[in-house]
PDB file of N, CA and C in Angstrom:
ATOM      1  N   MET A   1     -13.341 -12.338  51.464  1.00  0.00           N
ATOM      2  CA  MET A   1     -12.226 -12.904  50.732  1.00  0.00           C
ATOM      3  C   MET A   1     -12.685 -13.411  49.351  1.00  0.00           C
ATOM      4  N   GLU A   2     -13.810 -14.068  49.325  1.00  0.00           N
ATOM      5  CA  GLU A   2     -14.336 -14.620  48.079  1.00  0.00           C
ATOM      6  C   GLU A   2     -14.715 -13.509  47.101  1.00  0.00           C
ATOM      7  N   LEU A   3     -15.234 -12.412  47.625  1.00  0.00           N
ATOM      8  CA  LEU A   3     -15.620 -11.279  46.789  1.00  0.00           C
ATOM      9  C   LEU A   3     -14.384 -10.630  46.153  1.00  0.00           C
ATOM     10  N   ARG A   4     -13.295 -10.499  46.924  1.00  0.00           N
ATOM     11  CA  ARG A   4     -12.069  -9.920  46.385  1.00  0.00           C
ATOM     12  C   ARG A   4     -11.474 -10.826  45.300  1.00  0.00           C
ATOM     13  N   CYS A   5     -11.516 -12.105  45.525  1.00  0.00           N
ATOM     14  CA  CYS A   5     -10.987 -13.057  44.548  1.00  0.00           C
ATOM     15  C   CYS A   5     -11.801 -13.000  43.251  1.00  0.00           C
ATOM     16  N   LEU A   6     -13.106 -12.922  43.382  1.00  0.00           N
ATOM     17  CA  LEU A   6     -13.984 -12.824  42.222  1.00  0.00           C
ATOM     18  C   LEU A   6     -13.752 -11.518  41.475  1.00  0.00           C
ATOM     19  N   THR A   7     -13.582 -10.422  42.184  1.00  0.00           N
ATOM     20  CA  THR A   7     -13.308  -9.124  41.572  1.00  0.00           C
ATOM     21  C   THR A   7     -11.973  -9.157  40.828  1.00  0.00           C
ATOM     22  N   PHE A   8     -10.976  -9.764  41.448  1.00  0.00           N
ATOM     23  CA  PHE A   8      -9.670  -9.884  40.819  1.00  0.00           C
ATOM     24  C   PHE A   8      -9.754 -10.694  39.521  1.00  0.00           C
ATOM     25  N   LEU A   9     -10.477 -11.787  39.539  1.00  0.00           N
ATOM     26  CA  LEU A   9     -10.622 -12.615  38.341  1.00  0.00           C
ATOM     27  C   LEU A   9     -11.352 -11.874  37.227  1.00  0.00           C
ATOM     28  N   VAL A  10     -12.358 -11.091  37.589  1.00  0.00           N
ATOM     29  CA  VAL A  10     -13.091 -10.301  36.591  1.00  0.00           C
ATOM     30  C   VAL A  10     -12.169  -9.263  35.962  1.00  0.00           C
ATOM     31  N   LEU A  11     -11.331  -8.618  36.784  1.00  0.00           N
ATOM     32  CA  LEU A  11     -10.400  -7.621  36.259  1.00  0.00           C
ATOM     33  C   LEU A  11      -9.358  -8.265  35.328  1.00  0.00           C
ATOM     34  N   VAL A  12      -8.851  -9.423  35.705  1.00  0.00           N
ATOM     35  CA  VAL A  12      -7.894 -10.124  34.857  1.00  0.00           C
ATOM     36  C   VAL A  12      -8.554 -10.530  33.540  1.00  0.00           C
ATOM     37  N   LEU A  13      -9.768 -11.007  33.597  1.00  0.00           N
ATOM     38  CA  LEU A  13     -10.499 -11.390  32.393  1.00  0.00           C
ATOM     39  C   LEU A  13     -10.725 -10.180  31.482  1.00  0.00           C
ATOM     40  N   PHE A  14     -11.098  -9.056  32.064  1.00  0.00           N
ATOM     41  CA  PHE A  14     -11.310  -7.820  31.297  1.00  0.00           C
ATOM     42  C   PHE A  14     -10.009  -7.378  30.631  1.00  0.00           C
ATOM     43  N   PHE A  15      -8.894  -7.442  31.377  1.00  0.00           N
ATOM     44  CA  PHE A  15      -7.605  -7.063  30.816  1.00  0.00           C
ATOM     45  C   PHE A  15      -7.232  -7.967  29.643  1.00  0.00           C
ATOM     46  N   CYS A  16      -7.445  -9.264  29.773  1.00  0.00           N
ATOM     47  CA  CYS A  16      -7.132 -10.209  28.695  1.00  0.00           C
ATOM     48  C   CYS A  16      -7.971  -9.944  27.454  1.00  0.00           C
ATOM     49  N   ILE A  17      -9.230  -9.663  27.648  1.00  0.00           N
ATOM     50  CA  ILE A  17     -10.115  -9.363  26.513  1.00  0.00           C
ATOM     51  C   ILE A  17      -9.669  -8.081  25.824  1.00  0.00           C
ATOM     52  N   ALA A  18      -9.314  -7.064  26.594  1.00  0.00           N
ATOM     53  CA  ALA A  18      -8.857  -5.800  26.017  1.00  0.00           C
ATOM     54  C   ALA A  18      -7.557  -6.003  25.242  1.00  0.00           C
ATOM     55  N   GLN A  19      -6.651  -6.816  25.766  1.00  0.00           N
ATOM     56  CA  GLN A  19      -5.376  -7.078  25.095  1.00  0.00           C
ATOM     57  C   GLN A  19      -5.593  -7.800  23.770  1.00  0.00           C
ATOM     58  N   VAL A  20      -6.425  -8.802  23.746  1.00  0.00           N
ATOM     59  CA  VAL A  20      -6.714  -9.547  22.512  1.00  0.00           C
ATOM     60  C   VAL A  20      -7.406  -8.643  21.501  1.00  0.00           C
ATOM     61  N   SER A  21      -8.299  -7.785  21.959  1.00  0.00           N
ATOM     62  CA  SER A  21      -9.007  -6.871  21.077  1.00  0.00           C
ATOM     63  C   SER A  21      -8.035  -5.905  20.416  1.00  0.00           C
ATOM     64  N   SER A  22      -7.083  -5.362  21.176  1.00  0.00           N
ATOM     65  CA  SER A  22      -6.123  -4.422  20.596  1.00  0.00           C
ATOM     66  C   SER A  22      -5.189  -5.132  19.620  1.00  0.00           C
ATOM     67  N   GLU A  23      -4.801  -6.377  19.893  1.00  0.00           N
ATOM     68  CA  GLU A  23      -3.960  -7.124  18.971  1.00  0.00           C
ATOM     69  C   GLU A  23      -4.698  -7.415  17.676  1.00  0.00           C
ATOM     70  N   THR A  24      -5.985  -7.647  17.743  1.00  0.00           N
ATOM     71  CA  THR A  24      -6.785  -7.891  16.543  1.00  0.00           C
ATOM     72  C   THR A  24      -6.825  -6.641  15.689  1.00  0.00           C
ATOM     73  N   LYS A  25      -6.984  -5.476  16.295  1.00  0.00           N
ATOM     74  CA  LYS A  25      -7.010  -4.226  15.539  1.00  0.00           C
ATOM     75  C   LYS A  25      -5.669  -3.972  14.867  1.00  0.00           C
ATOM     76  N   ILE A  26      -4.575  -4.274  15.557  1.00  0.00           N
ATOM     77  CA  ILE A  26      -3.260  -4.087  14.967  1.00  0.00           C
ATOM     78  C   ILE A  26      -3.092  -5.025  13.772  1.00  0.00           C
ATOM     79  N   ALA A  27      -3.508  -6.275  13.907  1.00  0.00           N
ATOM     80  CA  ALA A  27      -3.388  -7.238  12.820  1.00  0.00           C
ATOM     81  C   ALA A  27      -4.226  -6.832  11.617  1.00  0.00           C
ATOM     82  N   GLU A  28      -5.380  -6.218  11.842  1.00  0.00           N
ATOM     83  CA  GLU A  28      -6.231  -5.787  10.736  1.00  0.00           C
ATOM     84  C   GLU A  28      -5.580  -4.678   9.934  1.00  0.00           C
ATOM     85  N   HIS A  29      -4.801  -3.801  10.581  1.00  0.00           N
ATOM     86  CA  HIS A  29      -4.207  -2.664   9.897  1.00  0.00           C
ATOM     87  C   HIS A  29      -2.836  -2.967   9.313  1.00  0.00           C
ATOM     88  N   GLN A  30      -2.287  -4.141   9.536  1.00  0.00           N
ATOM     89  CA  GLN A  30      -0.968  -4.440   9.028  1.00  0.00           C
ATOM     90  C   GLN A  30      -0.946  -4.631   7.527  1.00  0.00           C
ATOM     91  N   HIS A  31      -2.061  -4.963   6.899  1.00  0.00           N
ATOM     92  CA  HIS A  31      -2.058  -5.146   5.453  1.00  0.00           C
ATOM     93  C   HIS A  31      -2.016  -3.828   4.703  1.00  0.00           C
ATOM     94  N   THR A  32      -2.139  -2.704   5.391  1.00  0.00           N
ATOM     95  CA  THR A  32      -2.141  -1.416   4.720  1.00  0.00           C
ATOM     96  C   THR A  32      -0.749  -0.870   4.500  1.00  0.00           C
ATOM     97  N   GLN A  33       0.295  -1.608   4.941  1.00  0.00           N
ATOM     98  CA  GLN A  33       1.646  -1.123   4.761  1.00  0.00           C
ATOM     99  C   GLN A  33       2.507  -2.185   4.107  1.00  0.00           C
ATOM    100  N   VAL A  34       3.424  -1.720   3.291  1.00  0.00           N
ATOM    101  CA  VAL A  34       4.376  -2.597   2.651  1.00  0.00           C
ATOM    102  C   VAL A  34       5.755  -2.137   3.104  1.00  0.00           C
ATOM    103  N   VAL A  35       6.576  -3.054   3.587  1.00  0.00           N
ATOM    104  CA  VAL A  35       7.917  -2.702   4.037  1.00  0.00           C
ATOM    105  C   VAL A  35       8.888  -3.142   2.961  1.00  0.00           C
ATOM    106  N   LYS A  36       9.733  -2.209   2.507  1.00  0.00           N
ATOM    107  CA  LYS A  36      10.628  -2.496   1.397  1.00  0.00           C
ATOM    108  C   LYS A  36      11.953  -1.779   1.594  1.00  0.00           C
ATOM    109  N   GLY A  37      13.003  -2.368   1.101  1.00  0.00           N
ATOM    110  CA  GLY A  37      14.310  -1.732   1.106  1.00  0.00           C
ATOM    111  C   GLY A  37      15.090  -1.978   2.377  1.00  0.00           C
ATOM    112  N   PRO A  38      16.377  -1.585   2.352  1.00  0.00           N
ATOM    113  CA  PRO A  38      17.236  -1.835   3.505  1.00  0.00           C
ATOM    114  C   PRO A  38      16.865  -1.007   4.729  1.00  0.00           C
ATOM    115  N   SER A  39      16.215   0.140   4.519  1.00  0.00           N
ATOM    116  CA  SER A  39      15.849   0.980   5.663  1.00  0.00           C
ATOM    117  C   SER A  39      14.591   0.479   6.357  1.00  0.00           C
ATOM    118  N   ARG A  40      13.834  -0.411   5.704  1.00  0.00           N
ATOM    119  CA  ARG A  40      12.616  -1.021   6.261  1.00  0.00           C
ATOM    120  C   ARG A  40      11.596   0.025   6.714  1.00  0.00           C
ATOM    121  N   LYS A  41      11.453   1.074   5.925  1.00  0.00           N
ATOM    122  CA  LYS A  41      10.444   2.087   6.228  1.00  0.00           C
ATOM    123  C   LYS A  41       9.100   1.629   5.681  1.00  0.00           C
ATOM    124  N   PRO A  42       8.015   1.799   6.439  1.00  0.00           N
ATOM    125  CA  PRO A  42       6.706   1.385   5.932  1.00  0.00           C
ATOM    126  C   PRO A  42       6.192   2.354   4.872  1.00  0.00           C
ATOM    127  N   PHE A  43       5.671   1.797   3.789  1.00  0.00           N
ATOM    128  CA  PHE A  43       5.051   2.579   2.733  1.00  0.00           C
ATOM    129  C   PHE A  43       3.550   2.337   2.778  1.00  0.00           C
ATOM    130  N   PRO A  44       2.754   3.343   2.425  1.00  0.00           N
ATOM    131  CA  PRO A  44       1.317   3.096   2.373  1.00  0.00           C
ATOM    132  C   PRO A  44       0.991   2.116   1.254  1.00  0.00           C
ATOM    133  N   PHE A  45      -0.024   1.321   1.476  1.00  0.00           N
ATOM    134  CA  PHE A  45      -0.460   0.351   0.470  1.00  0.00           C
ATOM    135  C   PHE A  45      -1.063   1.090  -0.711  1.00  0.00           C
ATOM    136  N   VAL A  46      -0.705   0.673  -1.919  1.00  0.00           N
ATOM    137  CA  VAL A  46      -1.230   1.276  -3.150  1.00  0.00           C
ATOM    138  C   VAL A  46      -1.885   0.173  -3.972  1.00  0.00           C
ATOM    139  N   ASP A  47      -3.128   0.388  -4.390  1.00  0.00           N
ATOM    140  CA  ASP A  47      -3.840  -0.569  -5.233  1.00  0.00           C
ATOM    141  C   ASP A  47      -3.403  -0.349  -6.676  1.00  0.00           C
ATOM    142  N   CYS A  48      -2.283  -0.954  -7.048  1.00  0.00           N
ATOM    143  CA  CYS A  48      -1.707  -0.742  -8.383  1.00  0.00           C
ATOM    144  C   CYS A  48      -2.655  -1.175  -9.500  1.00  0.00           C
ATOM    145  N   GLY A  49      -3.307  -2.317  -9.319  1.00  0.00           N
ATOM    146  CA  GLY A  49      -4.194  -2.814 -10.365  1.00  0.00           C
ATOM    147  C   GLY A  49      -5.321  -1.855 -10.687  1.00  0.00           C
ATOM    148  N   GLY A  50      -6.000  -1.370  -9.670  1.00  0.00           N
ATOM    149  CA  GLY A  50      -7.119  -0.450  -9.875  1.00  0.00           C
ATOM    150  C   GLY A  50      -6.678   0.897 -10.410  1.00  0.00           C
ATOM    151  N   LEU A  51      -5.593   1.430  -9.857  1.00  0.00           N
ATOM    152  CA  LEU A  51      -5.113   2.737 -10.307  1.00  0.00           C
ATOM    153  C   LEU A  51      -4.589   2.679 -11.741  1.00  0.00           C
ATOM    154  N   CYS A  52      -3.892   1.588 -12.081  1.00  0.00           N
ATOM    155  CA  CYS A  52      -3.367   1.459 -13.452  1.00  0.00           C
ATOM    156  C   CYS A  52      -4.488   1.226 -14.457  1.00  0.00           C
ATOM    157  N   LYS A  53      -5.533   0.550 -14.034  1.00  0.00           N
ATOM    158  CA  LYS A  53      -6.673   0.336 -14.931  1.00  0.00           C
ATOM    159  C   LYS A  53      -7.299   1.678 -15.313  1.00  0.00           C
ATOM    160  N   VAL A  54      -7.428   2.576 -14.341  1.00  0.00           N
ATOM    161  CA  VAL A  54      -7.963   3.913 -14.610  1.00  0.00           C
ATOM    162  C   VAL A  54      -6.980   4.703 -15.463  1.00  0.00           C
ATOM    163  N   ARG A  55      -5.698   4.642 -15.110  1.00  0.00           N
ATOM    164  CA  ARG A  55      -4.669   5.398 -15.823  1.00  0.00           C
ATOM    165  C   ARG A  55      -4.612   5.001 -17.301  1.00  0.00           C
ATOM    166  N   CYS A  56      -4.759   3.721 -17.601  1.00  0.00           N
ATOM    167  CA  CYS A  56      -4.606   3.219 -18.970  1.00  0.00           C
ATOM    168  C   CYS A  56      -5.931   3.029 -19.700  1.00  0.00           C
ATOM    169  N   SER A  57      -7.033   3.514 -19.139  1.00  0.00           N
ATOM    170  CA  SER A  57      -8.356   3.264 -19.720  1.00  0.00           C
ATOM    171  C   SER A  57      -8.528   3.853 -21.120  1.00  0.00           C
ATOM    172  N   LEU A  58      -7.866   4.960 -21.432  1.00  0.00           N
ATOM    173  CA  LEU A  58      -8.004   5.575 -22.752  1.00  0.00           C
ATOM    174  C   LEU A  58      -6.815   5.295 -23.667  1.00  0.00           C
ATOM    175  N   HIS A  59      -5.870   4.503 -23.222  1.00  0.00           N
ATOM    176  CA  HIS A  59      -4.666   4.222 -24.007  1.00  0.00           C
ATOM    177  C   HIS A  59      -5.005   3.317 -25.190  1.00  0.00           C
ATOM    178  N   SER A  60      -4.294   3.502 -26.301  1.00  0.00           N
ATOM    179  CA  SER A  60      -4.566   2.694 -27.496  1.00  0.00           C
ATOM    180  C   SER A  60      -4.117   1.247 -27.318  1.00  0.00           C
ATOM    181  N   ARG A  61      -3.118   1.022 -26.479  1.00  0.00           N
ATOM    182  CA  ARG A  61      -2.631  -0.335 -26.197  1.00  0.00           C
ATOM    183  C   ARG A  61      -2.733  -0.563 -24.694  1.00  0.00           C
ATOM    184  N   GLN A  62      -3.932  -0.867 -24.235  1.00  0.00           N
ATOM    185  CA  GLN A  62      -4.206  -0.949 -22.803  1.00  0.00           C
ATOM    186  C   GLN A  62      -3.387  -2.015 -22.088  1.00  0.00           C
ATOM    187  N   ASN A  63      -3.173  -3.174 -22.693  1.00  0.00           N
ATOM    188  CA  ASN A  63      -2.412  -4.231 -22.030  1.00  0.00           C
ATOM    189  C   ASN A  63      -0.961  -3.815 -21.795  1.00  0.00           C
ATOM    190  N   VAL A  64      -0.336  -3.214 -22.803  1.00  0.00           N
ATOM    191  CA  VAL A  64       1.044  -2.755 -22.677  1.00  0.00           C
ATOM    192  C   VAL A  64       1.130  -1.657 -21.619  1.00  0.00           C
ATOM    193  N   CYS A  65       0.204  -0.732 -21.679  1.00  0.00           N
ATOM    194  CA  CYS A  65       0.165   0.371 -20.723  1.00  0.00           C
ATOM    195  C   CYS A  65      -0.020  -0.144 -19.298  1.00  0.00           C
ATOM    196  N   THR A  66      -0.949  -1.074 -19.105  1.00  0.00           N
ATOM    197  CA  THR A  66      -1.234  -1.599 -17.761  1.00  0.00           C
ATOM    198  C   THR A  66      -0.036  -2.357 -17.209  1.00  0.00           C
ATOM    199  N   ARG A  67       0.653  -3.107 -18.053  1.00  0.00           N
ATOM    200  CA  ARG A  67       1.834  -3.849 -17.595  1.00  0.00           C
ATOM    201  C   ARG A  67       2.951  -2.890 -17.174  1.00  0.00           C
ATOM    202  N   ALA A  68       3.217  -1.867 -17.983  1.00  0.00           N
ATOM    203  CA  ALA A  68       4.258  -0.890 -17.648  1.00  0.00           C
ATOM    204  C   ALA A  68       3.871  -0.098 -16.404  1.00  0.00           C
ATOM    205  N   CYS A  69       2.608   0.282 -16.327  1.00  0.00           N
ATOM    206  CA  CYS A  69       2.122   1.038 -15.168  1.00  0.00           C
ATOM    207  C   CYS A  69       2.249   0.213 -13.891  1.00  0.00           C
ATOM    208  N   GLY A  70       1.932  -1.072 -13.988  1.00  0.00           N
ATOM    209  CA  GLY A  70       2.042  -1.952 -12.822  1.00  0.00           C
ATOM    210  C   GLY A  70       3.471  -2.067 -12.332  1.00  0.00           C
ATOM    211  N   THR A  71       4.426  -2.146 -13.253  1.00  0.00           N
ATOM    212  CA  THR A  71       5.846  -2.201 -12.874  1.00  0.00           C
ATOM    213  C   THR A  71       6.263  -0.913 -12.188  1.00  0.00           C
ATOM    214  N   CYS A  72       5.870   0.209 -12.767  1.00  0.00           N
ATOM    215  CA  CYS A  72       6.225   1.507 -12.182  1.00  0.00           C
ATOM    216  C   CYS A  72       5.570   1.697 -10.821  1.00  0.00           C
ATOM    217  N   CYS A  73       4.336   1.284 -10.694  1.00  0.00           N
ATOM    218  CA  CYS A  73       3.619   1.412  -9.430  1.00  0.00           C
ATOM    219  C   CYS A  73       4.260   0.548  -8.351  1.00  0.00           C
ATOM    220  N   ALA A  74       4.655  -0.673  -8.708  1.00  0.00           N
ATOM    221  CA  ALA A  74       5.283  -1.563  -7.734  1.00  0.00           C
ATOM    222  C   ALA A  74       6.612  -0.992  -7.246  1.00  0.00           C
ATOM    223  N   ARG A  75       7.364  -0.374  -8.125  1.00  0.00           N
ATOM    224  CA  ARG A  75       8.664   0.184  -7.743  1.00  0.00           C
ATOM    225  C   ARG A  75       8.550   1.523  -7.031  1.00  0.00           C
ATOM    226  N   CYS A  76       7.647   2.379  -7.506  1.00  0.00           N
ATOM    227  CA  CYS A  76       7.570   3.753  -6.993  1.00  0.00           C
ATOM    228  C   CYS A  76       6.447   3.970  -5.977  1.00  0.00           C
ATOM    229  N   LYS A  77       5.531   3.014  -5.855  1.00  0.00           N
ATOM    230  CA  LYS A  77       4.381   3.122  -4.943  1.00  0.00           C
ATOM    231  C   LYS A  77       3.542   4.363  -5.240  1.00  0.00           C
ATOM    232  N   CYS A  78       3.354   4.629  -6.539  1.00  0.00           N
ATOM    233  CA  CYS A  78       2.587   5.806  -6.937  1.00  0.00           C
ATOM    234  C   CYS A  78       2.096   5.628  -8.361  1.00  0.00           C
ATOM    235  N   VAL A  79       0.891   6.128  -8.642  1.00  0.00           N
ATOM    236  CA  VAL A  79       0.347   6.216  -9.995  1.00  0.00           C
ATOM    237  C   VAL A  79      -0.235   7.621 -10.115  1.00  0.00           C
ATOM    238  N   PRO A  80       0.171   8.400 -11.129  1.00  0.00           N
ATOM    239  CA  PRO A  80      -0.342   9.760 -11.267  1.00  0.00           C
ATOM    240  C   PRO A  80      -1.852   9.778 -11.518  1.00  0.00           C
ATOM    241  N   PRO A  81      -2.534  10.820 -11.099  1.00  0.00           N
ATOM    242  CA  PRO A  81      -3.971  10.905 -11.351  1.00  0.00           C
ATOM    243  C   PRO A  81      -4.257  11.192 -12.824  1.00  0.00           C
ATOM    244  N   GLY A  82      -5.421  10.802 -13.269  1.00  0.00           N
ATOM    245  CA  GLY A  82      -5.829  11.062 -14.649  1.00  0.00           C
ATOM    246  C   GLY A  82      -5.362   9.983 -15.602  1.00  0.00           C
ATOM    247  N   THR A  83      -5.670  10.186 -16.880  1.00  0.00           N
ATOM    248  CA  THR A  83      -5.321   9.187 -17.888  1.00  0.00           C
ATOM    249  C   THR A  83      -4.035   9.538 -18.630  1.00  0.00           C
ATOM    250  N   ALA A  84      -3.536  10.741 -18.475  1.00  0.00           N
ATOM    251  CA  ALA A  84      -2.280  11.146 -19.116  1.00  0.00           C
ATOM    252  C   ALA A  84      -1.702  12.341 -18.374  1.00  0.00           C
ATOM    253  N   GLY A  85      -0.409  12.545 -18.535  1.00  0.00           N
ATOM    254  CA  GLY A  85       0.243  13.680 -17.892  1.00  0.00           C
ATOM    255  C   GLY A  85       0.389  13.492 -16.383  1.00  0.00           C
ATOM    256  N   ASN A  86       0.684  14.550 -15.690  1.00  0.00           N
ATOM    257  CA  ASN A  86       0.809  14.586 -14.228  1.00  0.00           C
ATOM    258  C   ASN A  86       1.888  13.647 -13.690  1.00  0.00           C
ATOM    259  N   ARG A  87       2.833  13.222 -14.520  1.00  0.00           N
ATOM    260  CA  ARG A  87       3.861  12.271 -14.084  1.00  0.00           C
ATOM    261  C   ARG A  87       4.733  12.842 -12.979  1.00  0.00           C
ATOM    262  N   GLU A  88       4.896  14.151 -12.946  1.00  0.00           N
ATOM    263  CA  GLU A  88       5.749  14.796 -11.955  1.00  0.00           C
ATOM    264  C   GLU A  88       5.226  14.609 -10.534  1.00  0.00           C
ATOM    265  N   MET A  89       3.941  14.326 -10.403  1.00  0.00           N
ATOM    266  CA  MET A  89       3.350  14.176  -9.068  1.00  0.00           C
ATOM    267  C   MET A  89       3.895  12.952  -8.334  1.00  0.00           C
ATOM    268  N   CYS A  90       4.454  11.989  -9.072  1.00  0.00           N
ATOM    269  CA  CYS A  90       5.015  10.787  -8.450  1.00  0.00           C
ATOM    270  C   CYS A  90       6.513  10.895  -8.209  1.00  0.00           C
ATOM    271  N   GLY A  91       7.111  11.982  -8.587  1.00  0.00           N
ATOM    272  CA  GLY A  91       8.527  12.193  -8.287  1.00  0.00           C
ATOM    273  C   GLY A  91       9.471  11.593  -9.307  1.00  0.00           C
ATOM    274  N   ARG A  92      10.747  11.652  -8.969  1.00  0.00           N
ATOM    275  CA  ARG A  92      11.798  11.221  -9.896  1.00  0.00           C
ATOM    276  C   ARG A  92      11.753   9.733 -10.182  1.00  0.00           C
ATOM    277  N   CYS A  93      11.353   8.935  -9.226  1.00  0.00           N
ATOM    278  CA  CYS A  93      11.285   7.493  -9.447  1.00  0.00           C
ATOM    279  C   CYS A  93      10.416   7.199 -10.662  1.00  0.00           C
ATOM    280  N   TYR A  94       9.285   7.849 -10.752  1.00  0.00           N
ATOM    281  CA  TYR A  94       8.327   7.597 -11.838  1.00  0.00           C
ATOM    282  C   TYR A  94       8.775   8.259 -13.140  1.00  0.00           C
ATOM    283  N   THR A  95       9.296   9.458 -13.068  1.00  0.00           N
ATOM    284  CA  THR A  95       9.647  10.192 -14.288  1.00  0.00           C
ATOM    285  C   THR A  95      10.967   9.736 -14.897  1.00  0.00           C
ATOM    286  N   ASP A  96      11.894   9.238 -14.087  1.00  0.00           N
ATOM    287  CA  ASP A  96      13.220   8.883 -14.594  1.00  0.00           C
ATOM    288  C   ASP A  96      13.359   7.429 -15.032  1.00  0.00           C
ATOM    289  N   MET A  97      12.351   6.590 -14.799  1.00  0.00           N
ATOM    290  CA  MET A  97      12.455   5.191 -15.201  1.00  0.00           C
ATOM    291  C   MET A  97      12.386   5.102 -16.735  1.00  0.00           C
ATOM    292  N   ARG A  98      13.335   4.358 -17.328  1.00  0.00           N
ATOM    293  CA  ARG A  98      13.451   4.270 -18.785  1.00  0.00           C
ATOM    294  C   ARG A  98      13.407   2.826 -19.252  1.00  0.00           C
ATOM    295  N   THR A  99      13.020   2.633 -20.529  1.00  0.00           N
ATOM    296  CA  THR A  99      13.042   1.314 -21.150  1.00  0.00           C
ATOM    297  C   THR A  99      14.456   1.062 -21.674  1.00  0.00           C
ATOM    298  N   HIS A 100      14.672  -0.136 -22.256  1.00  0.00           N
ATOM    299  CA  HIS A 100      15.980  -0.432 -22.841  1.00  0.00           C
ATOM    300  C   HIS A 100      16.273   0.488 -24.026  1.00  0.00           C
ATOM    301  N   GLY A 101      15.240   1.001 -24.675  1.00  0.00           N
ATOM    302  CA  GLY A 101      15.404   1.939 -25.785  1.00  0.00           C
ATOM    303  C   GLY A 101      15.517   3.378 -25.322  1.00  0.00           C
ATOM    304  N   ASN A 102      15.693   3.596 -24.038  1.00  0.00           N
ATOM    305  CA  ASN A 102      15.836   4.921 -23.416  1.00  0.00           C
ATOM    306  C   ASN A 102      14.613   5.804 -23.593  1.00  0.00           C
ATOM    307  N   LYS A 103      13.444   5.184 -23.663  1.00  0.00           N
ATOM    308  CA  LYS A 103      12.203   5.931 -23.707  1.00  0.00           C
ATOM    309  C   LYS A 103      11.568   5.888 -22.300  1.00  0.00           C
ATOM    310  N   PRO A 104      10.719   6.874 -21.960  1.00  0.00           N
ATOM    311  CA  PRO A 104      10.067   6.834 -20.648  1.00  0.00           C
ATOM    312  C   PRO A 104       9.240   5.553 -20.490  1.00  0.00           C
ATOM    313  N   LYS A 105       9.448   4.839 -19.401  1.00  0.00           N
ATOM    314  CA  LYS A 105       8.752   3.567 -19.191  1.00  0.00           C
ATOM    315  C   LYS A 105       7.341   3.763 -18.648  1.00  0.00           C
ATOM    316  N   CYS A 106       7.188   4.701 -17.728  1.00  0.00           N
ATOM    317  CA  CYS A 106       5.927   4.833 -16.998  1.00  0.00           C
ATOM    318  C   CYS A 106       4.925   5.705 -17.750  1.00  0.00           C
ATOM    319  N   PRO A 107       3.708   5.205 -17.918  1.00  0.00           N
ATOM    320  CA  PRO A 107       2.679   5.978 -18.647  1.00  0.00           C
ATOM    321  C   PRO A 107       2.137   7.128 -17.825  1.00  0.00           C
TER     322      PRO A 107
END
Protein backbone atom coordinates (compact mmCIF):
# COMPACT_ATOMS: atom_id res chain seq x y z
CA MET A 1 0.00 0.00 0.00
CA GLU A 2 2.80 2.41 0.91
CA LEU A 3 4.62 1.68 -2.35
CA ARG A 4 1.50 2.45 -4.43
CA CYS A 5 0.95 5.69 -2.55
CA LEU A 6 4.57 6.71 -3.09
CA THR A 7 4.36 5.84 -6.80
CA PHE A 8 1.17 7.86 -7.12
CA LEU A 9 2.76 10.89 -5.46
CA VAL A 10 5.80 10.67 -7.75
CA LEU A 11 3.53 10.55 -10.81
CA VAL A 12 1.53 13.56 -9.61
CA LEU A 13 4.75 15.46 -8.94
CA PHE A 14 6.08 14.60 -12.42
CA PHE A 15 2.81 15.75 -14.01
CA CYS A 16 2.93 19.06 -12.12
CA ILE A 17 6.52 19.70 -13.15
CA ALA A 18 5.70 18.92 -16.79
CA GLN A 19 2.68 21.27 -16.69
CA VAL A 20 4.69 24.16 -15.23
CA SER A 21 7.48 23.56 -17.75
CA SER A 22 5.07 23.73 -20.71
CA GLU A 23 3.45 26.91 -19.34
CA THR A 24 6.89 28.51 -19.06
CA LYS A 25 7.64 27.70 -22.71
CA ILE A 26 4.33 29.20 -23.79
CA ALA A 27 5.02 32.37 -21.78
CA GLU A 28 8.48 32.70 -23.35
CA HIS A 29 7.03 32.63 -26.88
CA GLN A 30 4.20 35.07 -26.27
CA HIS A 31 6.41 38.11 -26.83
CA THR A 32 6.94 37.08 -30.45
CA GLN A 33 3.39 38.01 -31.44
CA VAL A 34 1.47 41.23 -31.48
CA VAL A 35 -2.33 41.11 -31.53
CA LYS A 36 -3.95 44.05 -33.29
CA GLY A 37 -7.27 45.02 -34.81
CA PRO A 38 -10.84 43.86 -34.35
CA SER A 39 -10.13 40.39 -35.75
CA ARG A 40 -7.41 39.83 -33.08
CA LYS A 41 -5.19 37.88 -35.46
CA PRO A 42 -1.62 37.36 -34.22
CA PHE A 43 1.09 39.09 -36.23
CA PRO A 44 4.74 38.10 -36.11
CA PHE A 45 6.91 40.42 -34.05
CA VAL A 46 8.93 42.88 -36.15
CA ASP A 47 11.99 44.71 -34.81
CA CYS A 48 11.06 48.08 -36.32
CA GLY A 49 13.96 49.96 -34.75
CA GLY A 50 16.67 47.67 -36.11
CA LEU A 51 15.10 47.22 -39.53
CA CYS A 52 14.48 50.96 -39.97
CA LYS A 53 18.02 51.77 -38.90
CA VAL A 54 19.31 49.56 -41.73
CA ARG A 55 16.72 50.89 -44.19
CA CYS A 56 17.62 54.54 -43.48
CA SER A 57 21.40 54.09 -43.09
CA LEU A 58 22.23 55.76 -46.43
CA HIS A 59 19.46 58.38 -46.36
CA SER A 60 20.48 62.05 -46.39
CA ARG A 61 18.06 62.82 -43.53
CA GLN A 62 18.34 59.75 -41.33
CA ASN A 63 16.22 61.04 -38.43
CA VAL A 64 13.28 61.93 -40.69
CA CYS A 65 13.60 58.65 -42.55
CA THR A 66 13.79 56.59 -39.34
CA ARG A 67 10.74 58.31 -37.86
CA ALA A 68 8.64 57.75 -41.01
CA CYS A 69 9.90 54.18 -41.34
CA GLY A 70 9.00 53.47 -37.72
CA THR A 71 5.44 54.71 -38.26
CA CYS A 72 5.05 52.61 -41.39
CA CYS A 73 6.54 49.56 -39.70
CA ALA A 74 4.24 49.89 -36.69
CA ARG A 75 1.17 50.11 -38.92
CA CYS A 76 2.13 47.59 -41.62
CA LYS A 77 4.38 45.21 -39.62
CA CYS A 78 6.89 45.22 -42.46
CA VAL A 79 10.06 47.00 -43.60
CA PRO A 80 11.33 46.34 -47.15
CA PRO A 81 14.83 44.87 -47.50
CA GLY A 82 17.71 47.08 -48.58
CA THR A 83 18.24 50.80 -48.27
CA ALA A 84 15.92 51.87 -51.11
CA GLY A 85 13.27 50.44 -53.40
CA ASN A 86 11.53 47.08 -52.88
CA ARG A 87 8.49 48.85 -51.34
CA GLU A 88 6.13 46.47 -53.13
CA MET A 89 7.35 43.59 -50.97
CA CYS A 90 5.40 45.02 -48.01
CA GLY A 91 2.12 45.28 -49.89
CA ARG A 92 -0.44 48.01 -50.29
CA CYS A 93 -0.32 49.11 -46.67
CA TYR A 94 3.28 50.26 -47.13
CA THR A 95 3.02 51.59 -50.68
CA ASP A 96 -0.29 53.45 -50.33
CA MET A 97 0.44 55.36 -47.10
CA ARG A 98 0.68 59.10 -47.89
CA THR A 99 1.72 62.29 -46.09
CA HIS A 100 -0.55 65.34 -45.76
CA GLY A 101 1.13 66.65 -48.94
CA ASN A 102 0.07 63.45 -50.77
CA LYS A 103 3.63 62.21 -51.08
CA PRO A 104 4.63 58.60 -50.26
CA LYS A 105 5.19 58.41 -46.50
CA CYS A 106 7.16 55.18 -46.21
CA PRO A 107 10.83 55.15 -47.26
